[in-house]
Amino acid sequence: MTSHYEPNIYEKIGGALKSIRLEKKMTLKDIEAISDLAGPTISNIERGKQNVSLGWIVHYSNALQINPSEVFLRAFKDDFQTQQLNKMYERFGPYKTDETE
């Protein structure tokens, strides 16, 4: 369960999709024109208000002409970095300077 301060999985994926779309300077109408995706559905998903299937993400990624992995890498970048840092801390322990010893 996520708190209301932490974006949920749907918000992260939707935010990633929206940021990619905007970087490509595409509107919702552009996506509608090149796919069978409806504008209101796209909008709801980009805002994290609607559940999304993996197939839908692949279809939208095709409309954006990107690899679907880009969506997940962007959506969970912070989570991946945190996991890597935690693994490093577990393996090597906390960083200590001469002043903290």
PDB file of N, CA and C in Angstrom:
ATOM      1  N   MET A   1       0.847  -1.184   0.000  1.00  0.00           N
ATOM      2  CA  MET A   1       0.000   0.000   0.000  1.00  0.00           C
ATOM      3  C   MET A   1       0.888   1.240   0.000  1.00  0.00           C
ATOM      4  N   THR A   2       0.542   2.197  -0.817  1.00  0.00           N
ATOM      5  CA  THR A   2       1.318   3.428  -0.868  1.00  0.00           C
ATOM      6  C   THR A   2       0.591   4.527  -0.106  1.00  0.00           C
ATOM      7  N   SER A   3       1.364   5.452   0.403  1.00  0.00           N
ATOM      8  CA  SER A   3       0.752   6.587   1.084  1.00  0.00           C
ATOM      9  C   SER A   3       0.281   7.592   0.036  1.00  0.00           C
ATOM     10  N   HIS A   4      -0.518   8.561   0.471  1.00  0.00           N
ATOM     11  CA  HIS A   4      -0.969   9.563  -0.491  1.00  0.00           C
ATOM     12  C   HIS A   4       0.150  10.536  -0.863  1.00  0.00           C
ATOM     13  N   TYR A   5       1.322  10.403  -0.237  1.00  0.00           N
ATOM     14  CA  TYR A   5       2.452  11.248  -0.584  1.00  0.00           C
ATOM     15  C   TYR A   5       3.353  10.589  -1.629  1.00  0.00           C
ATOM     16  N   GLU A   6       3.243   9.288  -1.781  1.00  0.00           N
ATOM     17  CA  GLU A   6       4.082   8.545  -2.719  1.00  0.00           C
ATOM     18  C   GLU A   6       3.258   8.159  -3.940  1.00  0.00           C
ATOM     19  N   PRO A   7       3.745   8.478  -5.138  1.00  0.00           N
ATOM     20  CA  PRO A   7       2.971   8.119  -6.332  1.00  0.00           C
ATOM     21  C   PRO A   7       2.794   6.603  -6.426  1.00  0.00           C
ATOM     22  N   ASN A   8       1.600   6.179  -6.838  1.00  0.00           N
ATOM     23  CA  ASN A   8       1.403   4.753  -6.994  1.00  0.00           C
ATOM     24  C   ASN A   8       1.935   4.308  -8.345  1.00  0.00           C
ATOM     25  N   ILE A   9       1.911   3.029  -8.575  1.00  0.00           N
ATOM     26  CA  ILE A   9       2.482   2.451  -9.790  1.00  0.00           C
ATOM     27  C   ILE A   9       1.820   3.022 -11.043  1.00  0.00           C
ATOM     28  N   TYR A  10       0.505   3.237 -10.998  1.00  0.00           N
ATOM     29  CA  TYR A  10      -0.201   3.761 -12.167  1.00  0.00           C
ATOM     30  C   TYR A  10       0.188   5.208 -12.450  1.00  0.00           C
ATOM     31  N   GLU A  11       0.409   5.993 -11.405  1.00  0.00           N
ATOM     32  CA  GLU A  11       0.854   7.374 -11.595  1.00  0.00           C
ATOM     33  C   GLU A  11       2.260   7.419 -12.177  1.00  0.00           C
ATOM     34  N   LYS A  12       3.117   6.526 -11.735  1.00  0.00           N
ATOM     35  CA  LYS A  12       4.488   6.491 -12.245  1.00  0.00           C
ATOM     36  C   LYS A  12       4.512   6.120 -13.725  1.00  0.00           C
ATOM     37  N   ILE A  13       3.767   5.091 -14.090  1.00  0.00           N
ATOM     38  CA  ILE A  13       3.723   4.668 -15.494  1.00  0.00           C
ATOM     39  C   ILE A  13       3.058   5.744 -16.345  1.00  0.00           C
ATOM     40  N   GLY A  14       1.942   6.269 -15.879  1.00  0.00           N
ATOM     41  CA  GLY A  14       1.252   7.321 -16.621  1.00  0.00           C
ATOM     42  C   GLY A  14       2.103   8.555 -16.800  1.00  0.00           C
ATOM     43  N   GLY A  15       2.808   8.938 -15.745  1.00  0.00           N
ATOM     44  CA  GLY A  15       3.689  10.096 -15.833  1.00  0.00           C
ATOM     45  C   GLY A  15       4.816   9.887 -16.830  1.00  0.00           C
ATOM     46  N   ALA A  16       5.345   8.674 -16.862  1.00  0.00           N
ATOM     47  CA  ALA A  16       6.401   8.358 -17.823  1.00  0.00           C
ATOM     48  C   ALA A  16       5.872   8.439 -19.251  1.00  0.00           C
ATOM     49  N   LEU A  17       4.689   7.874 -19.483  1.00  0.00           N
ATOM     50  CA  LEU A  17       4.081   7.935 -20.814  1.00  0.00           C
ATOM     51  C   LEU A  17       3.843   9.377 -21.249  1.00  0.00           C
ATOM     52  N   LYS A  18       3.314  10.161 -20.347  1.00  0.00           N
ATOM     53  CA  LYS A  18       3.023  11.563 -20.680  1.00  0.00           C
ATOM     54  C   LYS A  18       4.303  12.335 -20.974  1.00  0.00           C
ATOM     55  N   SER A  19       5.335  12.143 -20.165  1.00  0.00           N
ATOM     56  CA  SER A  19       6.571  12.895 -20.386  1.00  0.00           C
ATOM     57  C   SER A  19       7.203  12.520 -21.729  1.00  0.00           C
ATOM     58  N   ILE A  20       7.132  11.244 -22.097  1.00  0.00           N
ATOM     59  CA  ILE A  20       7.670  10.826 -23.395  1.00  0.00           C
ATOM     60  C   ILE A  20       6.852  11.456 -24.527  1.00  0.00           C
ATOM     61  N   ARG A  21       5.531  11.413 -24.386  1.00  0.00           N
ATOM     62  CA  ARG A  21       4.659  12.005 -25.409  1.00  0.00           C
ATOM     63  C   ARG A  21       4.968  13.492 -25.590  1.00  0.00           C
ATOM     64  N   LEU A  22       5.109  14.210 -24.479  1.00  0.00           N
ATOM     65  CA  LEU A  22       5.386  15.641 -24.553  1.00  0.00           C
ATOM     66  C   LEU A  22       6.776  15.926 -25.133  1.00  0.00           C
ATOM     67  N   GLU A  23       7.756  15.097 -24.795  1.00  0.00           N
ATOM     68  CA  GLU A  23       9.094  15.265 -25.369  1.00  0.00           C
ATOM     69  C   GLU A  23       9.058  15.105 -26.884  1.00  0.00           C
ATOM     70  N   LYS A  24       8.172  14.237 -27.351  1.00  0.00           N
ATOM     71  CA  LYS A  24       8.021  14.022 -28.788  1.00  0.00           C
ATOM     72  C   LYS A  24       7.094  15.065 -29.424  1.00  0.00           C
ATOM     73  N   LYS A  25       6.658  16.020 -28.597  1.00  0.00           N
ATOM     74  CA  LYS A  25       5.783  17.107 -29.042  1.00  0.00           C
ATOM     75  C   LYS A  25       4.511  16.570 -29.706  1.00  0.00           C
ATOM     76  N   MET A  26       3.930  15.549 -29.073  1.00  0.00           N
ATOM     77  CA  MET A  26       2.702  14.940 -29.565  1.00  0.00           C
ATOM     78  C   MET A  26       1.550  15.291 -28.630  1.00  0.00           C
ATOM     79  N   THR A  27       0.383  15.492 -29.207  1.00  0.00           N
ATOM     80  CA  THR A  27      -0.818  15.753 -28.426  1.00  0.00           C
ATOM     81  C   THR A  27      -1.625  14.468 -28.295  1.00  0.00           C
ATOM     82  N   LEU A  28      -2.644  14.519 -27.436  1.00  0.00           N
ATOM     83  CA  LEU A  28      -3.543  13.367 -27.326  1.00  0.00           C
ATOM     84  C   LEU A  28      -4.218  13.105 -28.668  1.00  0.00           C
ATOM     85  N   LYS A  29      -4.547  14.150 -29.383  1.00  0.00           N
ATOM     86  CA  LYS A  29      -5.179  14.003 -30.700  1.00  0.00           C
ATOM     87  C   LYS A  29      -4.233  13.327 -31.689  1.00  0.00           C
ATOM     88  N   ASP A  30      -2.941  13.609 -31.583  1.00  0.00           N
ATOM     89  CA  ASP A  30      -1.956  12.939 -32.445  1.00  0.00           C
ATOM     90  C   ASP A  30      -1.966  11.431 -32.190  1.00  0.00           C
ATOM     91  N   ILE A  31      -1.989  11.055 -30.912  1.00  0.00           N
ATOM     92  CA  ILE A  31      -1.994   9.632 -30.561  1.00  0.00           C
ATOM     93  C   ILE A  31      -3.286   8.972 -31.048  1.00  0.00           C
ATOM     94  N   GLU A  32      -4.402   9.644 -30.854  1.00  0.00           N
ATOM     95  CA  GLU A  32      -5.684   9.122 -31.335  1.00  0.00           C
ATOM     96  C   GLU A  32      -5.651   8.877 -32.844  1.00  0.00           C
ATOM     97  N   ALA A  33      -5.038   9.788 -33.583  1.00  0.00           N
ATOM     98  CA  ALA A  33      -5.022   9.700 -35.037  1.00  0.00           C
ATOM     99  C   ALA A  33      -4.195   8.526 -35.558  1.00  0.00           C
ATOM    100  N   ILE A  34      -3.150   8.138 -34.822  1.00  0.00           N
ATOM    101  CA  ILE A  34      -2.281   7.060 -35.311  1.00  0.00           C
ATOM    102  C   ILE A  34      -2.514   5.727 -34.611  1.00  0.00           C
ATOM    103  N   SER A  35      -3.486   5.684 -33.718  1.00  0.00           N
ATOM    104  CA  SER A  35      -3.783   4.437 -33.006  1.00  0.00           C
ATOM    105  C   SER A  35      -5.289   4.344 -32.784  1.00  0.00           C
ATOM    106  N   ASP A  36      -5.711   3.262 -32.184  1.00  0.00           N
ATOM    107  CA  ASP A  36      -7.136   3.134 -31.839  1.00  0.00           C
ATOM    108  C   ASP A  36      -7.384   3.475 -30.372  1.00  0.00           C
ATOM    109  N   LEU A  37      -6.479   4.268 -29.787  1.00  0.00           N
ATOM    110  CA  LEU A  37      -6.611   4.669 -28.396  1.00  0.00           C
ATOM    111  C   LEU A  37      -7.456   5.930 -28.295  1.00  0.00           C
ATOM    112  N   ALA A  38      -8.349   5.971 -27.332  1.00  0.00           N
ATOM    113  CA  ALA A  38      -9.239   7.120 -27.143  1.00  0.00           C
ATOM    114  C   ALA A  38      -8.584   8.168 -26.244  1.00  0.00           C
ATOM    115  N   GLY A  39      -8.740   9.435 -26.613  1.00  0.00           N
ATOM    116  CA  GLY A  39      -8.144  10.540 -25.864  1.00  0.00           C
ATOM    117  C   GLY A  39      -8.462  10.539 -24.381  1.00  0.00           C
ATOM    118  N   PRO A  40      -9.746  10.383 -23.991  1.00  0.00           N
ATOM    119  CA  PRO A  40     -10.059  10.377 -22.556  1.00  0.00           C
ATOM    120  C   PRO A  40      -9.380   9.217 -21.806  1.00  0.00           C
ATOM    121  N   THR A  41      -9.264   8.076 -22.459  1.00  0.00           N
ATOM    122  CA  THR A  41      -8.589   6.933 -21.829  1.00  0.00           C
ATOM    123  C   THR A  41      -7.113   7.235 -21.646  1.00  0.00           C
ATOM    124  N   ILE A  42      -6.492   7.775 -22.686  1.00  0.00           N
ATOM    125  CA  ILE A  42      -5.070   8.134 -22.595  1.00  0.00           C
ATOM    126  C   ILE A  42      -4.860   9.130 -21.465  1.00  0.00           C
ATOM    127  N   SER A  43      -5.693  10.135 -21.402  1.00  0.00           N
ATOM    128  CA  SER A  43      -5.581  11.161 -20.368  1.00  0.00           C
ATOM    129  C   SER A  43      -5.701  10.561 -18.973  1.00  0.00           C
ATOM    130  N   ASN A  44      -6.690   9.701 -18.771  1.00  0.00           N
ATOM    131  CA  ASN A  44      -6.873   9.054 -17.459  1.00  0.00           C
ATOM    132  C   ASN A  44      -5.665   8.217 -17.081  1.00  0.00           C
ATOM    133  N   ILE A  45      -5.121   7.505 -18.033  1.00  0.00           N
ATOM    134  CA  ILE A  45      -3.960   6.656 -17.744  1.00  0.00           C
ATOM    135  C   ILE A  45      -2.734   7.516 -17.456  1.00  0.00           C
ATOM    136  N   GLU A  46      -2.520   8.559 -18.241  1.00  0.00           N
ATOM    137  CA  GLU A  46      -1.367   9.431 -18.001  1.00  0.00           C
ATOM    138  C   GLU A  46      -1.439  10.116 -16.636  1.00  0.00           C
ATOM    139  N   ARG A  47      -2.628  10.293 -16.102  1.00  0.00           N
ATOM    140  CA  ARG A  47      -2.782  10.916 -14.777  1.00  0.00           C
ATOM    141  C   ARG A  47      -2.835   9.874 -13.659  1.00  0.00           C
ATOM    142  N   GLY A  48      -2.706   8.588 -13.997  1.00  0.00           N
ATOM    143  CA  GLY A  48      -2.718   7.536 -12.990  1.00  0.00           C
ATOM    144  C   GLY A  48      -4.097   7.244 -12.438  1.00  0.00           C
ATOM    145  N   LYS A  49      -5.128   7.629 -13.164  1.00  0.00           N
ATOM    146  CA  LYS A  49      -6.508   7.462 -12.693  1.00  0.00           C
ATOM    147  C   LYS A  49      -7.151   6.176 -13.191  1.00  0.00           C
ATOM    148  N   GLN A  50      -6.448   5.451 -14.052  1.00  0.00           N
ATOM    149  CA  GLN A  50      -7.024   4.236 -14.623  1.00  0.00           C
ATOM    150  C   GLN A  50      -5.948   3.161 -14.698  1.00  0.00           C
ATOM    151  N   ASN A  51      -6.329   1.944 -14.373  1.00  0.00           N
ATOM    152  CA  ASN A  51      -5.437   0.803 -14.484  1.00  0.00           C
ATOM    153  C   ASN A  51      -5.082   0.591 -15.945  1.00  0.00           C
ATOM    154  N   VAL A  52      -3.919   0.043 -16.195  1.00  0.00           N
ATOM    155  CA  VAL A  52      -3.451  -0.163 -17.558  1.00  0.00           C
ATOM    156  C   VAL A  52      -2.834  -1.557 -17.682  1.00  0.00           C
ATOM    157  N   SER A  53      -3.092  -2.210 -18.803  1.00  0.00           N
ATOM    158  CA  SER A  53      -2.523  -3.544 -19.036  1.00  0.00           C
ATOM    159  C   SER A  53      -1.171  -3.412 -19.730  1.00  0.00           C
ATOM    160  N   LEU A  54      -0.401  -4.467 -19.659  1.00  0.00           N
ATOM    161  CA  LEU A  54       0.885  -4.490 -20.341  1.00  0.00           C
ATOM    162  C   LEU A  54       0.687  -4.354 -21.850  1.00  0.00           C
ATOM    163  N   GLY A  55      -0.347  -4.992 -22.370  1.00  0.00           N
ATOM    164  CA  GLY A  55      -0.635  -4.885 -23.800  1.00  0.00           C
ATOM    165  C   GLY A  55      -0.925  -3.452 -24.218  1.00  0.00           C
ATOM    166  N   TRP A  56      -1.633  -2.727 -23.368  1.00  0.00           N
ATOM    167  CA  TRP A  56      -1.950  -1.327 -23.667  1.00  0.00           C
ATOM    168  C   TRP A  56      -0.675  -0.501 -23.695  1.00  0.00           C
ATOM    169  N   ILE A  57       0.231  -0.748 -22.736  1.00  0.00           N
ATOM    170  CA  ILE A  57       1.503  -0.017 -22.689  1.00  0.00           C
ATOM    171  C   ILE A  57       2.311  -0.288 -23.955  1.00  0.00           C
ATOM    172  N   VAL A  58       2.331  -1.541 -24.391  1.00  0.00           N
ATOM    173  CA  VAL A  58       3.047  -1.886 -25.624  1.00  0.00           C
ATOM    174  C   VAL A  58       2.416  -1.164 -26.815  1.00  0.00           C
ATOM    175  N   HIS A  59       1.096  -1.166 -26.886  1.00  0.00           N
ATOM    176  CA  HIS A  59       0.397  -0.495 -27.985  1.00  0.00           C
ATOM    177  C   HIS A  59       0.691   1.006 -27.983  1.00  0.00           C
ATOM    178  N   TYR A  60       0.631   1.629 -26.825  1.00  0.00           N
ATOM    179  CA  TYR A  60       0.913   3.063 -26.727  1.00  0.00           C
ATOM    180  C   TYR A  60       2.377   3.336 -27.064  1.00  0.00           C
ATOM    181  N   SER A  61       3.272   2.474 -26.606  1.00  0.00           N
ATOM    182  CA  SER A  61       4.695   2.634 -26.925  1.00  0.00           C
ATOM    183  C   SER A  61       4.916   2.575 -28.431  1.00  0.00           C
ATOM    184  N   ASN A  62       4.198   1.697 -29.107  1.00  0.00           N
ATOM    185  CA  ASN A  62       4.294   1.627 -30.564  1.00  0.00           C
ATOM    186  C   ASN A  62       3.831   2.932 -31.201  1.00  0.00           C
ATOM    187  N   ALA A  63       2.756   3.511 -30.676  1.00  0.00           N
ATOM    188  CA  ALA A  63       2.269   4.799 -31.196  1.00  0.00           C
ATOM    189  C   ALA A  63       3.306   5.896 -30.982  1.00  0.00           C
ATOM    190  N   LEU A  64       4.048   5.814 -29.871  1.00  0.00           N
ATOM    191  CA  LEU A  64       5.106   6.787 -29.573  1.00  0.00           C
ATOM    192  C   LEU A  64       6.413   6.460 -30.285  1.00  0.00           C
ATOM    193  N   GLN A  65       6.464   5.284 -30.920  1.00  0.00           N
ATOM    194  CA  GLN A  65       7.660   4.791 -31.601  1.00  0.00           C
ATOM    195  C   GLN A  65       8.845   4.664 -30.647  1.00  0.00           C
ATOM    196  N   ILE A  66       8.578   4.025 -29.504  1.00  0.00           N
ATOM    197  CA  ILE A  66       9.628   3.761 -28.513  1.00  0.00           C
ATOM    198  C   ILE A  66       9.557   2.304 -28.094  1.00  0.00           C
ATOM    199  N   ASN A  67      10.619   1.823 -27.471  1.00  0.00           N
ATOM    200  CA  ASN A  67      10.641   0.498 -26.879  1.00  0.00           C
ATOM    201  C   ASN A  67       9.878   0.578 -25.555  1.00  0.00           C
ATOM    202  N   PRO A  68       8.961  -0.356 -25.279  1.00  0.00           N
ATOM    203  CA  PRO A  68       8.204  -0.307 -24.013  1.00  0.00           C
ATOM    204  C   PRO A  68       9.086  -0.277 -22.766  1.00  0.00           C
ATOM    205  N   SER A  69      10.291  -0.824 -22.860  1.00  0.00           N
ATOM    206  CA  SER A  69      11.177  -0.805 -21.692  1.00  0.00           C
ATOM    207  C   SER A  69      11.494   0.621 -21.259  1.00  0.00           C
ATOM    208  N   GLU A  70      11.483   1.568 -22.199  1.00  0.00           N
ATOM    209  CA  GLU A  70      11.745   2.972 -21.867  1.00  0.00           C
ATOM    210  C   GLU A  70      10.725   3.498 -20.864  1.00  0.00           C
ATOM    211  N   VAL A  71       9.485   3.059 -20.999  1.00  0.00           N
ATOM    212  CA  VAL A  71       8.422   3.492 -20.082  1.00  0.00           C
ATOM    213  C   VAL A  71       8.759   3.043 -18.660  1.00  0.00           C
ATOM    214  N   PHE A  72       9.135   1.769 -18.519  1.00  0.00           N
ATOM    215  CA  PHE A  72       9.410   1.230 -17.186  1.00  0.00           C
ATOM    216  C   PHE A  72      10.703   1.795 -16.603  1.00  0.00           C
ATOM    217  N   LEU A  73      11.714   1.960 -17.432  1.00  0.00           N
ATOM    218  CA  LEU A  73      12.960   2.550 -16.944  1.00  0.00           C
ATOM    219  C   LEU A  73      12.728   3.967 -16.424  1.00  0.00           C
ATOM    220  N   ARG A  74      11.926   4.722 -17.148  1.00  0.00           N
ATOM    221  CA  ARG A  74      11.638   6.088 -16.731  1.00  0.00           C
ATOM    222  C   ARG A  74      10.731   6.117 -15.510  1.00  0.00           C
ATOM    223  N   ALA A  75       9.714   5.267 -15.500  1.00  0.00           N
ATOM    224  CA  ALA A  75       8.741   5.259 -14.405  1.00  0.00           C
ATOM    225  C   ALA A  75       9.376   4.858 -13.078  1.00  0.00           C
ATOM    226  N   PHE A  76      10.321   3.934 -13.120  1.00  0.00           N
ATOM    227  CA  PHE A  76      10.867   3.386 -11.882  1.00  0.00           C
ATOM    228  C   PHE A  76      12.346   3.690 -11.675  1.00  0.00           C
ATOM    229  N   LYS A  77      12.827   4.717 -12.359  1.00  0.00           N
ATOM    230  CA  LYS A  77      14.232   5.103 -12.252  1.00  0.00           C
ATOM    231  C   LYS A  77      14.647   5.331 -10.799  1.00  0.00           C
ATOM    232  N   ASP A  78      13.874   6.110 -10.066  1.00  0.00           N
ATOM    233  CA  ASP A  78      14.219   6.399  -8.667  1.00  0.00           C
ATOM    234  C   ASP A  78      14.201   5.132  -7.819  1.00  0.00           C
ATOM    235  N   ASP A  79      13.229   4.254  -8.072  1.00  0.00           N
ATOM    236  CA  ASP A  79      13.150   3.003  -7.321  1.00  0.00           C
ATOM    237  C   ASP A  79      14.366   2.125  -7.595  1.00  0.00           C
ATOM    238  N   PHE A  80      14.790   2.046  -8.875  1.00  0.00           N
ATOM    239  CA  PHE A  80      15.951   1.242  -9.228  1.00  0.00           C
ATOM    240  C   PHE A  80      17.205   1.794  -8.566  1.00  0.00           C
ATOM    241  N   GLN A  81      17.356   3.118  -8.558  1.00  0.00           N
ATOM    242  CA  GLN A  81      18.531   3.731  -7.942  1.00  0.00           C
ATOM    243  C   GLN A  81      18.557   3.457  -6.441  1.00  0.00           C
ATOM    244  N   THR A  82      17.408   3.550  -5.789  1.00  0.00           N
ATOM    245  CA  THR A  82      17.332   3.281  -4.356  1.00  0.00           C
ATOM    246  C   THR A  82      17.699   1.833  -4.058  1.00  0.00           C
ATOM    247  N   GLN A  83      17.199   0.908  -4.867  1.00  0.00           N
ATOM    248  CA  GLN A  83      17.527  -0.505  -4.664  1.00  0.00           C
ATOM    249  C   GLN A  83      19.021  -0.747  -4.816  1.00  0.00           C
ATOM    250  N   GLN A  84      19.635  -0.119  -5.822  1.00  0.00           N
ATOM    251  CA  GLN A  84      21.069  -0.287  -6.025  1.00  0.00           C
ATOM    252  C   GLN A  84      21.857   0.276  -4.847  1.00  0.00           C
ATOM    253  N   LEU A  85      21.462   1.442  -4.349  1.00  0.00           N
ATOM    254  CA  LEU A  85      22.144   2.020  -3.190  1.00  0.00           C
ATOM    255  C   LEU A  85      21.997   1.118  -1.969  1.00  0.00           C
ATOM    256  N   ASN A  86      20.812   0.580  -1.759  1.00  0.00           N
ATOM    257  CA  ASN A  86      20.602  -0.319  -0.618  1.00  0.00           C
ATOM    258  C   ASN A  86      21.477  -1.556  -0.729  1.00  0.00           C
ATOM    259  N   LYS A  87      21.632  -2.095  -1.918  1.00  0.00           N
ATOM    260  CA  LYS A  87      22.503  -3.264  -2.111  1.00  0.00           C
ATOM    261  C   LYS A  87      23.952  -2.907  -1.811  1.00  0.00           C
ATOM    262  N   MET A  88      24.366  -1.702  -2.219  1.00  0.00           N
ATOM    263  CA  MET A  88      25.737  -1.276  -1.939  1.00  0.00           C
ATOM    264  C   MET A  88      25.947  -1.108  -0.444  1.00  0.00           C
ATOM    265  N   TYR A  89      24.982  -0.517   0.251  1.00  0.00           N
ATOM    266  CA  TYR A  89      25.102  -0.344   1.699  1.00  0.00           C
ATOM    267  C   TYR A  89      25.176  -1.687   2.399  1.00  0.00           C
ATOM    268  N   GLU A  90      24.379  -2.639   1.957  1.00  0.00           N
ATOM    269  CA  GLU A  90      24.396  -3.971   2.562  1.00  0.00           C
ATOM    270  C   GLU A  90      25.750  -4.637   2.372  1.00  0.00           C
ATOM    271  N   ARG A  91      26.322  -4.459   1.209  1.00  0.00           N
ATOM    272  CA  ARG A  91      27.582  -5.126   0.913  1.00  0.00           C
ATOM    273  C   ARG A  91      28.783  -4.440   1.552  1.00  0.00           C
ATOM    274  N   PHE A  92      28.827  -3.115   1.477  1.00  0.00           N
ATOM    275  CA  PHE A  92      30.015  -2.389   1.920  1.00  0.00           C
ATOM    276  C   PHE A  92      29.841  -1.638   3.226  1.00  0.00           C
ATOM    277  N   GLY A  93      28.633  -1.514   3.711  1.00  0.00           N
ATOM    278  CA  GLY A  93      28.391  -0.755   4.926  1.00  0.00           C
ATOM    279  C   GLY A  93      28.334   0.733   4.632  1.00  0.00           C
ATOM    280  N   PRO A  94      27.996   1.515   5.634  1.00  0.00           N
ATOM    281  CA  PRO A  94      27.889   2.968   5.426  1.00  0.00           C
ATOM    282  C   PRO A  94      29.258   3.589   5.184  1.00  0.00           C
ATOM    283  N   TYR A  95      29.253   4.679   4.465  1.00  0.00           N
ATOM    284  CA  TYR A  95      30.485   5.413   4.189  1.00  0.00           C
ATOM    285  C   TYR A  95      30.908   6.163   5.439  1.00  0.00           C
ATOM    286  N   LYS A  96      32.164   6.015   5.805  1.00  0.00           N
ATOM    287  CA  LYS A  96      32.684   6.699   6.983  1.00  0.00           C
ATOM    288  C   LYS A  96      33.888   7.519   6.604  1.00  0.00           C
ATOM    289  N   THR A  97      33.935   8.721   7.097  1.00  0.00           N
ATOM    290  CA  THR A  97      35.126   9.558   6.913  1.00  0.00           C
ATOM    291  C   THR A  97      35.935   9.474   8.197  1.00  0.00           C
ATOM    292  N   ASP A  98      37.118  10.023   8.176  1.00  0.00           N
ATOM    293  CA  ASP A  98      37.944  10.021   9.377  1.00  0.00           C
ATOM    294  C   ASP A  98      37.232  10.766  10.517  1.00  0.00           C
ATOM    295  N   GLU A  99      36.415  11.743  10.154  1.00  0.00           N
ATOM    296  CA  GLU A  99      35.726  12.538  11.166  1.00  0.00           C
ATOM    297  C   GLU A  99      34.586  11.769  11.831  1.00  0.00           C
ATOM    298  N   THR A 100      34.017  10.764  11.144  1.00  0.00           N
ATOM    299  CA  THR A 100      32.868  10.038  11.709  1.00  0.00           C
ATOM    300  C   THR A 100      33.284   8.764  12.425  1.00  0.00           C
ATOM    301  N   GLU A 101      34.554   8.409  12.374  1.00  0.00           N
ATOM    302  CA  GLU A 101      34.993   7.168  13.024  1.00  0.00           C
ATOM    303  C   GLU A 101      35.269   7.379  14.484  1.00  0.00           C
TER     304      GLU A 101
END
